[in-house]
C-alpha cells in the first residue's frame, strides 16, 4: 500500500513538474488530461478512485484514533506511552494518511494547473483576435472618412475589452504562478517524506528487535 502510494505521489509530482514548464512534454500532458476529462468513463473512474482514497484516508485516521484511545484506556492497560507494536502501527498509519493526503492535494493542484493553462491559452487567443480586429479597423479609418467617428468608438470599445482581457490574463498568470509554487512546495515535502519513510523503516526494525528481545526474555525467564 505504501509503495503504491509512493509511486502515485511521484507520478503526480512528475506531471505537475511537466505542467510548470513550457516544453513539448507539457503539450502531451495537456492532451492526456484533456482526453481524461472529456471521455465518458474516465471522469467516473477518476471520481471512483478519489472516493476510494478518501475512504481509506478516513479509515486510517479512525485507526490512529483507536490506537491513541487504547493507549489512554486504563482498562486496556493504557494510561502511559504506546507499546512498541502500537507505535509501529501508529507510525505506519500516519505515513499512509500523509501519503494519501499529499496524493489528493497534488491531484487537485494538477487539475487547477490544467484548467488555468487552458483558460490562459483561450484568453491569449482572444487578445490576439481583438488586436487584429483593432488593427484592421485602424487601417480602414483612412479610407472611410465618413465613418471615422464610428470606428473610433469601436476602437475605444475594443481597447477597453483588450485591457480587461489583459487584466484577466495577468490574474490567471498570477494564479498559475501560485499553483506552481504550491506544486514545488509539495515536491519538496514529498522528498522529505521519503527521508521520513526511511527513518520509520529503521525505527520499525529497531522496534522489532526490541520485541524479539522481550519475547526471548519472557520465554526464558531467569
C-alpha atoms as a PDB file:
ATOM      1  CA  UNK A   1       0.000   0.000   0.000  1.00  0.00           C
ATOM      2  CA  UNK A   2       2.739   2.445   0.998  1.00  0.00           C
ATOM      3  CA  UNK A   3       4.854   1.574  -2.042  1.00  0.00           C
ATOM      4  CA  UNK A   4       1.834   2.097  -4.344  1.00  0.00           C
ATOM      5  CA  UNK A   5       1.101   5.472  -2.752  1.00  0.00           C
ATOM      6  CA  UNK A   6       4.726   6.494  -3.220  1.00  0.00           C
ATOM      7  CA  UNK A   7       4.567   5.530  -6.895  1.00  0.00           C
ATOM      8  CA  UNK A   8       1.347   7.528  -7.380  1.00  0.00           C
ATOM      9  CA  UNK A   9       2.808  10.506  -5.487  1.00  0.00           C
ATOM     10  CA  UNK A  10       5.992  10.503  -7.574  1.00  0.00           C
ATOM     11  CA  UNK A  11       3.934  10.212 -10.791  1.00  0.00           C
ATOM     12  CA  UNK A  12       1.715  13.144  -9.788  1.00  0.00           C
ATOM     13  CA  UNK A  13       4.763  15.223  -8.842  1.00  0.00           C
ATOM     14  CA  UNK A  14       6.265  14.462 -12.274  1.00  0.00           C
ATOM     15  CA  UNK A  15       3.039  15.538 -14.061  1.00  0.00           C
ATOM     16  CA  UNK A  16       2.862  18.738 -12.001  1.00  0.00           C
ATOM     17  CA  UNK A  17       6.509  19.495 -12.807  1.00  0.00           C
ATOM     18  CA  UNK A  18       5.864  18.953 -16.525  1.00  0.00           C
ATOM     19  CA  UNK A  19       2.904  21.364 -16.416  1.00  0.00           C
ATOM     20  CA  UNK A  20       5.048  24.044 -14.750  1.00  0.00           C
ATOM     21  CA  UNK A  21       7.398  24.465 -17.715  1.00  0.00           C
ATOM     22  CA  UNK A  22       6.564  25.184 -21.347  1.00  0.00           C
ATOM     23  CA  UNK A  23       8.045  22.151 -23.111  1.00  0.00           C
ATOM     24  CA  UNK A  24       6.797  19.578 -25.646  1.00  0.00           C
ATOM     25  CA  UNK A  25       6.050  17.312 -22.689  1.00  0.00           C
ATOM     26  CA  UNK A  26       3.571  19.904 -21.417  1.00  0.00           C
ATOM     27  CA  UNK A  27       1.591  19.600 -24.662  1.00  0.00           C
ATOM     28  CA  UNK A  28       1.473  15.830 -24.285  1.00  0.00           C
ATOM     29  CA  UNK A  29       0.396  16.161 -20.654  1.00  0.00           C
ATOM     30  CA  UNK A  30      -2.332  18.656 -21.627  1.00  0.00           C
ATOM     31  CA  UNK A  31      -3.598  16.335 -24.372  1.00  0.00           C
ATOM     32  CA  UNK A  32      -3.703  13.430 -21.954  1.00  0.00           C
ATOM     33  CA  UNK A  33      -5.566  15.448 -19.315  1.00  0.00           C
ATOM     34  CA  UNK A  34      -8.000  16.772 -21.956  1.00  0.00           C
ATOM     35  CA  UNK A  35      -8.843  13.239 -23.084  1.00  0.00           C
ATOM     36  CA  UNK A  36      -9.110  12.115 -19.475  1.00  0.00           C
ATOM     37  CA  UNK A  37     -11.665  14.820 -18.682  1.00  0.00           C
ATOM     38  CA  UNK A  38     -13.635  14.649 -21.929  1.00  0.00           C
ATOM     39  CA  UNK A  39     -14.066  10.871 -22.008  1.00  0.00           C
ATOM     40  CA  UNK A  40     -17.295   9.234 -20.918  1.00  0.00           C
ATOM     41  CA  UNK A  41     -15.938   6.668 -18.498  1.00  0.00           C
ATOM     42  CA  UNK A  42     -12.698   8.360 -17.458  1.00  0.00           C
ATOM     43  CA  UNK A  43     -14.244  11.050 -15.187  1.00  0.00           C
ATOM     44  CA  UNK A  44     -16.331   8.391 -13.425  1.00  0.00           C
ATOM     45  CA  UNK A  45     -13.246   6.237 -12.904  1.00  0.00           C
ATOM     46  CA  UNK A  46     -11.261   9.198 -11.546  1.00  0.00           C
ATOM     47  CA  UNK A  47     -14.050  10.118  -9.134  1.00  0.00           C
ATOM     48  CA  UNK A  48     -14.305   6.484  -8.032  1.00  0.00           C
ATOM     49  CA  UNK A  49     -10.568   6.293  -7.326  1.00  0.00           C
ATOM     50  CA  UNK A  50     -10.700   9.591  -5.438  1.00  0.00           C
ATOM     51  CA  UNK A  51     -13.635   8.311  -3.375  1.00  0.00           C
ATOM     52  CA  UNK A  52     -11.743   5.122  -2.534  1.00  0.00           C
ATOM     53  CA  UNK A  53      -8.672   7.118  -1.460  1.00  0.00           C
ATOM     54  CA  UNK A  54     -10.799   9.400   0.715  1.00  0.00           C
ATOM     55  CA  UNK A  55     -12.470   6.359   2.287  1.00  0.00           C
ATOM     56  CA  UNK A  56      -9.093   4.772   3.005  1.00  0.00           C
ATOM     57  CA  UNK A  57      -7.866   8.068   4.465  1.00  0.00           C
ATOM     58  CA  UNK A  58     -10.847   8.262   6.819  1.00  0.00           C
ATOM     59  CA  UNK A  59     -10.346   4.606   7.803  1.00  0.00           C
ATOM     60  CA  UNK A  60      -6.657   5.229   8.515  1.00  0.00           C
ATOM     61  CA  UNK A  61      -7.415   8.280  10.640  1.00  0.00           C
ATOM     62  CA  UNK A  62     -10.003   6.261  12.546  1.00  0.00           C
ATOM     63  CA  UNK A  63      -7.434   3.518  13.206  1.00  0.00           C
ATOM     64  CA  UNK A  64      -4.987   6.131  14.506  1.00  0.00           C
ATOM     65  CA  UNK A  65      -7.659   7.480  16.815  1.00  0.00           C
ATOM     66  CA  UNK A  66      -8.371   3.959  18.106  1.00  0.00           C
ATOM     67  CA  UNK A  67      -4.681   3.397  18.873  1.00  0.00           C
ATOM     68  CA  UNK A  68      -4.465   6.715  20.721  1.00  0.00           C
ATOM     69  CA  UNK A  69      -7.639   5.903  22.654  1.00  0.00           C
ATOM     70  CA  UNK A  70      -6.340   2.444  23.520  1.00  0.00           C
ATOM     71  CA  UNK A  71      -3.147   3.973  24.896  1.00  0.00           C
ATOM     72  CA  UNK A  72      -5.165   6.186  27.227  1.00  0.00           C
ATOM     73  CA  UNK A  73      -7.660   3.491  28.330  1.00  0.00           C
ATOM     74  CA  UNK A  74      -6.794   2.202  31.864  1.00  0.00           C
ATOM     75  CA  UNK A  75      -8.850  -0.984  31.358  1.00  0.00           C
ATOM     76  CA  UNK A  76      -6.800  -1.860  28.252  1.00  0.00           C
ATOM     77  CA  UNK A  77      -3.575  -1.352  30.106  1.00  0.00           C
ATOM     78  CA  UNK A  78      -3.118   2.186  28.777  1.00  0.00           C
ATOM     79  CA  UNK A  79      -2.540   5.423  30.549  1.00  0.00           C
ATOM     80  CA  UNK A  80       1.131   5.500  29.581  1.00  0.00           C
ATOM     81  CA  UNK A  81       3.235   5.518  26.427  1.00  0.00           C
ATOM     82  CA  UNK A  82       2.242   3.449  23.422  1.00  0.00           C
ATOM     83  CA  UNK A  83       3.501  -0.138  23.273  1.00  0.00           C
ATOM     84  CA  UNK A  84       6.134  -0.934  20.611  1.00  0.00           C
ATOM     85  CA  UNK A  85       3.545  -2.678  18.449  1.00  0.00           C
ATOM     86  CA  UNK A  86       1.142   0.261  18.680  1.00  0.00           C
ATOM     87  CA  UNK A  87       3.994   2.648  17.903  1.00  0.00           C
ATOM     88  CA  UNK A  88       4.781   0.732  14.725  1.00  0.00           C
ATOM     89  CA  UNK A  89       1.107   0.622  13.701  1.00  0.00           C
ATOM     90  CA  UNK A  90       0.594   4.297  14.543  1.00  0.00           C
ATOM     91  CA  UNK A  91       3.693   5.306  12.539  1.00  0.00           C
ATOM     92  CA  UNK A  92       2.546   3.228   9.567  1.00  0.00           C
ATOM     93  CA  UNK A  93      -0.974   4.691   9.653  1.00  0.00           C
ATOM     94  CA  UNK A  94       0.464   8.188   9.977  1.00  0.00           C
ATOM     95  CA  UNK A  95       2.671   7.646   6.944  1.00  0.00           C
ATOM     96  CA  UNK A  96      -0.229   6.228   4.913  1.00  0.00           C
ATOM     97  CA  UNK A  97      -2.503   9.121   5.877  1.00  0.00           C
ATOM     98  CA  UNK A  98       0.193  11.645   4.938  1.00  0.00           C
ATOM     99  CA  UNK A  99       0.790   9.989   1.572  1.00  0.00           C
ATOM    100  CA  UNK A 100      -2.925   9.826   0.757  1.00  0.00           C
ATOM    101  CA  UNK A 101      -3.389  13.455   1.769  1.00  0.00           C
ATOM    102  CA  UNK A 102      -0.492  14.617  -0.394  1.00  0.00           C
ATOM    103  CA  UNK A 103      -1.756  12.467  -3.263  1.00  0.00           C
ATOM    104  CA  UNK A 104      -5.207  14.065  -3.150  1.00  0.00           C
ATOM    105  CA  UNK A 105      -3.713  17.549  -2.847  1.00  0.00           C
ATOM    106  CA  UNK A 106      -1.371  17.006  -5.807  1.00  0.00           C
ATOM    107  CA  UNK A 107      -4.293  15.709  -7.873  1.00  0.00           C
ATOM    108  CA  UNK A 108      -6.175  18.921  -7.075  1.00  0.00           C
ATOM    109  CA  UNK A 109      -3.111  21.042  -7.985  1.00  0.00           C
ATOM    110  CA  UNK A 110      -2.768  19.222 -11.324  1.00  0.00           C
ATOM    111  CA  UNK A 111      -6.470  19.785 -12.070  1.00  0.00           C
ATOM    112  CA  UNK A 112      -6.181  23.508 -11.268  1.00  0.00           C
ATOM    113  CA  UNK A 113      -2.987  23.880 -13.335  1.00  0.00           C
ATOM    114  CA  UNK A 114      -4.654  22.184 -16.291  1.00  0.00           C
ATOM    115  CA  UNK A 115      -7.672  24.471 -16.059  1.00  0.00           C
ATOM    116  CA  UNK A 116      -5.586  27.650 -15.654  1.00  0.00           C
ATOM    117  CA  UNK A 117      -3.365  26.785 -18.629  1.00  0.00           C
ATOM    118  CA  UNK A 118      -6.420  26.152 -20.835  1.00  0.00           C
ATOM    119  CA  UNK A 119      -8.023  29.437 -19.754  1.00  0.00           C
ATOM    120  CA  UNK A 120      -4.752  31.290 -20.305  1.00  0.00           C
ATOM    121  CA  UNK A 121      -4.498  29.930 -23.840  1.00  0.00           C
ATOM    122  CA  UNK A 122      -8.078  30.971 -24.589  1.00  0.00           C
ATOM    123  CA  UNK A 123      -7.508  34.473 -23.246  1.00  0.00           C
ATOM    124  CA  UNK A 124      -4.331  34.882 -25.311  1.00  0.00           C
ATOM    125  CA  UNK A 125      -6.212  33.858 -28.456  1.00  0.00           C
ATOM    126  CA  UNK A 126      -8.954  36.388 -27.657  1.00  0.00           C
ATOM    127  CA  UNK A 127      -6.348  39.130 -27.150  1.00  0.00           C
ATOM    128  CA  UNK A 128      -4.750  38.299 -30.495  1.00  0.00           C
ATOM    129  CA  UNK A 129      -8.124  38.321 -32.268  1.00  0.00           C
ATOM    130  CA  UNK A 130      -9.076  41.661 -30.715  1.00  0.00           C
ATOM    131  CA  UNK A 131      -5.663  43.115 -31.635  1.00  0.00           C
ATOM    132  CA  UNK A 132      -6.057  42.025 -35.263  1.00  0.00           C
ATOM    133  CA  UNK A 133      -9.576  43.435 -35.418  1.00  0.00           C
ATOM    134  CA  UNK A 134      -8.344  46.671 -33.869  1.00  0.00           C
ATOM    135  CA  UNK A 135      -5.548  46.917 -36.437  1.00  0.00           C
ATOM    136  CA  UNK A 136      -7.989  46.274 -39.278  1.00  0.00           C
ATOM    137  CA  UNK A 137     -10.312  48.993 -38.035  1.00  0.00           C
ATOM    138  CA  UNK A 138      -7.459  51.469 -37.675  1.00  0.00           C
ATOM    139  CA  UNK A 139      -6.319  50.775 -41.255  1.00  0.00           C
ATOM    140  CA  UNK A 140      -9.886  51.162 -42.540  1.00  0.00           C
ATOM    141  CA  UNK A 141     -10.271  54.587 -40.937  1.00  0.00           C
ATOM    142  CA  UNK A 142      -8.061  56.240 -43.574  1.00  0.00           C
ATOM    143  CA  UNK A 143     -10.249  55.087 -46.488  1.00  0.00           C
ATOM    144  CA  UNK A 144     -13.616  55.836 -44.902  1.00  0.00           C
ATOM    145  CA  UNK A 145     -13.684  59.408 -43.747  1.00  0.00           C
ATOM    146  CA  UNK A 146     -17.454  59.373 -43.190  1.00  0.00           C
ATOM    147  CA  UNK A 147     -17.244  56.528 -40.666  1.00  0.00           C
ATOM    148  CA  UNK A 148     -14.268  57.837 -38.658  1.00  0.00           C
ATOM    149  CA  UNK A 149     -16.319  58.655 -35.566  1.00  0.00           C
ATOM    150  CA  UNK A 150     -17.994  55.244 -35.593  1.00  0.00           C
ATOM    151  CA  UNK A 151     -14.705  53.441 -35.982  1.00  0.00           C
ATOM    152  CA  UNK A 152     -13.166  55.462 -33.172  1.00  0.00           C
ATOM    153  CA  UNK A 153     -15.949  54.375 -30.840  1.00  0.00           C
ATOM    154  CA  UNK A 154     -15.471  50.752 -31.874  1.00  0.00           C
ATOM    155  CA  UNK A 155     -11.718  51.034 -31.399  1.00  0.00           C
ATOM    156  CA  UNK A 156     -12.220  52.544 -27.937  1.00  0.00           C
ATOM    157  CA  UNK A 157     -14.577  49.700 -27.028  1.00  0.00           C
ATOM    158  CA  UNK A 158     -12.147  47.119 -28.336  1.00  0.00           C
ATOM    159  CA  UNK A 159      -9.300  48.773 -26.431  1.00  0.00           C
ATOM    160  CA  UNK A 160     -11.316  48.549 -23.232  1.00  0.00           C
ATOM    161  CA  UNK A 161     -12.077  44.902 -23.905  1.00  0.00           C
ATOM    162  CA  UNK A 162      -8.404  44.268 -24.626  1.00  0.00           C
ATOM    163  CA  UNK A 163      -7.423  45.916 -21.334  1.00  0.00           C
ATOM    164  CA  UNK A 164      -9.921  43.735 -19.494  1.00  0.00           C
ATOM    165  CA  UNK A 165      -8.599  40.633 -21.244  1.00  0.00           C
ATOM    166  CA  UNK A 166      -5.026  41.609 -20.398  1.00  0.00           C
ATOM    167  CA  UNK A 167      -6.013  42.042 -16.773  1.00  0.00           C
ATOM    168  CA  UNK A 168      -7.646  38.620 -16.834  1.00  0.00           C
ATOM    169  CA  UNK A 169      -4.504  37.157 -18.418  1.00  0.00           C
ATOM    170  CA  UNK A 170      -2.397  38.777 -15.700  1.00  0.00           C
ATOM    171  CA  UNK A 171      -4.681  37.410 -12.960  1.00  0.00           C
ATOM    172  CA  UNK A 172      -4.637  33.903 -14.438  1.00  0.00           C
ATOM    173  CA  UNK A 173      -0.840  34.118 -14.812  1.00  0.00           C
ATOM    174  CA  UNK A 174      -0.529  35.037 -11.139  1.00  0.00           C
ATOM    175  CA  UNK A 175      -2.796  32.122 -10.203  1.00  0.00           C
ATOM    176  CA  UNK A 176      -0.638  29.795 -12.302  1.00  0.00           C
ATOM    177  CA  UNK A 177       2.473  31.087 -10.517  1.00  0.00           C
ATOM    178  CA  UNK A 178       0.809  30.448  -7.148  1.00  0.00           C
ATOM    179  CA  UNK A 179      -0.137  26.938  -8.237  1.00  0.00           C
ATOM    180  CA  UNK A 180       3.439  26.389  -9.458  1.00  0.00           C
ATOM    181  CA  UNK A 181       4.830  27.488  -6.094  1.00  0.00           C
ATOM    182  CA  UNK A 182       2.440  25.107  -4.309  1.00  0.00           C
ATOM    183  CA  UNK A 183       3.443  22.249  -6.598  1.00  0.00           C
ATOM    184  CA  UNK A 184       7.143  22.895  -5.938  1.00  0.00           C
ATOM    185  CA  UNK A 185       6.481  23.008  -2.196  1.00  0.00           C
ATOM    186  CA  UNK A 186       4.620  19.686  -2.394  1.00  0.00           C
ATOM    187  CA  UNK A 187       7.505  18.199  -4.361  1.00  0.00           C
ATOM    188  CA  UNK A 188       9.942  19.271  -1.640  1.00  0.00           C
ATOM    189  CA  UNK A 189       7.633  17.858   1.036  1.00  0.00           C
ATOM    190  CA  UNK A 190       7.432  14.553  -0.852  1.00  0.00           C
ATOM    191  CA  UNK A 191      11.225  14.367  -0.833  1.00  0.00           C
ATOM    192  CA  UNK A 192      11.320  14.971   2.912  1.00  0.00           C
ATOM    193  CA  UNK A 193       8.571  12.351   3.267  1.00  0.00           C
ATOM    194  CA  UNK A 194      10.755   9.802   1.507  1.00  0.00           C
ATOM    195  CA  UNK A 195      13.515  10.524   4.026  1.00  0.00           C
ATOM    196  CA  UNK A 196      10.977  10.170   6.851  1.00  0.00           C
ATOM    197  CA  UNK A 197       9.874   6.836   5.397  1.00  0.00           C
ATOM    198  CA  UNK A 198      13.449   5.554   5.516  1.00  0.00           C
ATOM    199  CA  UNK A 199      13.751   6.698   9.120  1.00  0.00           C
ATOM    200  CA  UNK A 200      10.489   4.969  10.018  1.00  0.00           C
ATOM    201  CA  UNK A 201      11.729   1.764   8.437  1.00  0.00           C
ATOM    202  CA  UNK A 202      14.830   1.918  10.638  1.00  0.00           C
ATOM    203  CA  UNK A 203      12.671   2.615  13.709  1.00  0.00           C
ATOM    204  CA  UNK A 204      10.408  -0.277  12.738  1.00  0.00           C
ATOM    205  CA  UNK A 205      13.398  -2.625  12.510  1.00  0.00           C
ATOM    206  CA  UNK A 206      14.673  -1.400  15.849  1.00  0.00           C
ATOM    207  CA  UNK A 207      11.272  -1.938  17.465  1.00  0.00           C
ATOM    208  CA  UNK A 208      11.050  -5.431  16.018  1.00  0.00           C
ATOM    209  CA  UNK A 209      14.437  -6.257  17.516  1.00  0.00           C
ATOM    210  CA  UNK A 210      13.218  -4.937  20.870  1.00  0.00           C
ATOM    211  CA  UNK A 211      10.064  -7.074  20.600  1.00  0.00           C
ATOM    212  CA  UNK A 212      12.151 -10.150  19.804  1.00  0.00           C
ATOM    213  CA  UNK A 213      14.387  -9.411  22.780  1.00  0.00           C
ATOM    214  CA  UNK A 214      11.332  -9.055  25.051  1.00  0.00           C
ATOM    215  CA  UNK A 215       9.871 -12.311  23.699  1.00  0.00           C
ATOM    216  CA  UNK A 216      13.162 -14.105  24.415  1.00  0.00           C
ATOM    217  CA  UNK A 217      13.205 -12.781  27.948  1.00  0.00           C
ATOM    218  CA  UNK A 218       9.638 -13.842  28.564  1.00  0.00           C
ATOM    219  CA  UNK A 219      10.179 -17.311  27.103  1.00  0.00           C
ATOM    220  CA  UNK A 220      13.435 -17.848  29.021  1.00  0.00           C
ATOM    221  CA  UNK A 221      12.879 -16.345  32.492  1.00  0.00           C
ATOM    222  CA  UNK A 222      15.994 -16.333  34.692  1.00  0.00           C
END
